C-alpha atoms as a PDB file:
ATOM      1  CA  MET A   1      17.998  27.640   8.512  1.00  0.00           C
ATOM      2  CA  ILE A   2      14.221  26.828   8.253  1.00  0.00           C
ATOM      3  CA  ASP A   3      12.284  27.982  11.402  1.00  0.00           C
ATOM      4  CA  GLU A   4      11.833  25.151  13.924  1.00  0.00           C
ATOM      5  CA  ALA A   5       8.086  25.507  14.149  1.00  0.00           C
ATOM      6  CA  LEU A   6       7.796  25.461  10.335  1.00  0.00           C
ATOM      7  CA  LEU A   7       9.844  22.372   9.976  1.00  0.00           C
ATOM      8  CA  LYS A   8       7.594  20.574  12.431  1.00  0.00           C
ATOM      9  CA  LEU A   9       4.693  21.208   9.803  1.00  0.00           C
ATOM     10  CA  LEU A  10       6.512  20.196   6.651  1.00  0.00           C
ATOM     11  CA  VAL A  11       6.211  16.584   5.373  1.00  0.00           C
ATOM     12  CA  CYS A  12       7.493  14.880   2.285  1.00  0.00           C
ATOM     13  CA  PRO A  13       5.084  15.344  -0.548  1.00  0.00           C
ATOM     14  CA  LYS A  14       5.773  11.764  -1.866  1.00  0.00           C
ATOM     15  CA  SER A  15       5.653   9.855   1.493  1.00  0.00           C
ATOM     16  CA  LYS A  16       3.988  12.407   3.895  1.00  0.00           C
ATOM     17  CA  ALA A  17       6.897  11.549   6.439  1.00  0.00           C
ATOM     18  CA  PRO A  18       8.620  14.147   8.525  1.00  0.00           C
ATOM     19  CA  LEU A  19      11.488  15.903   7.067  1.00  0.00           C
ATOM     20  CA  LYS A  20      14.849  17.004   8.813  1.00  0.00           C
ATOM     21  CA  GLN A  21      17.155  19.539   7.754  1.00  0.00           C
ATOM     22  CA  VAL A  22      20.760  18.727   6.689  1.00  0.00           C
ATOM     23  CA  GLY A  23      22.589  21.765   5.443  1.00  0.00           C
ATOM     24  CA  ASN A  24      20.641  23.215   2.457  1.00  0.00           C
ATOM     25  CA  GLU A  25      18.408  20.299   2.087  1.00  0.00           C
ATOM     26  CA  LEU A  26      15.296  18.582   3.673  1.00  0.00           C
ATOM     27  CA  ILE A  27      15.714  14.960   4.031  1.00  0.00           C
ATOM     28  CA  CYS A  28      12.851  12.365   3.813  1.00  0.00           C
ATOM     29  CA  GLU A  29      14.323   9.153   5.131  1.00  0.00           C
ATOM     30  CA  VAL A  30      11.255   7.174   4.275  1.00  0.00           C
ATOM     31  CA  SER A  31      11.245   7.973   0.385  1.00  0.00           C
ATOM     32  CA  GLY A  32      15.002   8.534   0.357  1.00  0.00           C
ATOM     33  CA  LEU A  33      14.620  12.132  -1.282  1.00  0.00           C
ATOM     34  CA  ALA A  34      16.357  15.326  -0.586  1.00  0.00           C
ATOM     35  CA  TYR A  35      14.593  18.684  -1.275  1.00  0.00           C
ATOM     36  CA  PRO A  36      16.487  21.729  -1.891  1.00  0.00           C
ATOM     37  CA  ILE A  37      16.360  24.982   0.133  1.00  0.00           C
ATOM     38  CA  GLU A  38      16.980  27.975  -2.157  1.00  0.00           C
ATOM     39  CA  ASP A  39      17.212  31.461  -0.453  1.00  0.00           C
ATOM     40  CA  GLY A  40      15.665  30.188   2.474  1.00  0.00           C
ATOM     41  CA  ILE A  41      12.638  28.854   0.797  1.00  0.00           C
ATOM     42  CA  PRO A  42      12.191  24.802   0.814  1.00  0.00           C
ATOM     43  CA  ILE A  43      11.337  23.638  -2.590  1.00  0.00           C
ATOM     44  CA  LEU A  44       8.963  20.745  -1.910  1.00  0.00           C
ATOM     45  CA  LEU A  45       8.533  19.547  -5.374  1.00  0.00           C
ATOM     46  CA  VAL A  46       9.212  15.721  -6.105  1.00  0.00           C
ATOM     47  CA  GLU A  47      10.489  16.587  -9.528  1.00  0.00           C
ATOM     48  CA  GLU A  48      13.085  18.898  -7.729  1.00  0.00           C
ATOM     49  CA  ALA A  49      14.251  16.452  -5.292  1.00  0.00           C
ATOM     50  CA  CYS A  50      17.493  14.489  -5.341  1.00  0.00           C
ATOM     51  CA  GLN A  51      17.615  10.663  -4.810  1.00  0.00           C
ATOM     52  CA  LEU A  52      19.723   9.879  -1.795  1.00  0.00           C
ATOM     53  CA  GLU A  53      22.444   7.230  -1.957  1.00  0.00           C
ATOM     54  CA  GLN A  54      21.482   3.970  -0.260  1.00  0.00           C
ATOM     55  CA  GLY A  55      22.494   3.758   3.348  1.00  0.00           C
ATOM     56  CA  THR A  56      23.445   7.360   3.717  1.00  0.00           C
ATOM     57  CA  ASN A  57      21.739  10.634   4.995  1.00  0.00           C
ATOM     58  CA  LYS A  58      23.570  12.777   2.364  1.00  0.00           C
ATOM     59  CA  LYS A  59      23.620  12.505  -1.475  1.00  0.00           C
END
């Protein structure tokens, strides 16, 4: 789990929109990308993100 204070500072590198944690991913609803969290470290690289399915909050 990402610390709540840190999560408030993190933004999507593509859209600059806020992120929310869902399981082991950080989700950006604006860009539709899910960034993985590996060993407690968010991987905020667009090329490592997964595209979310249309109309859902999970991939």
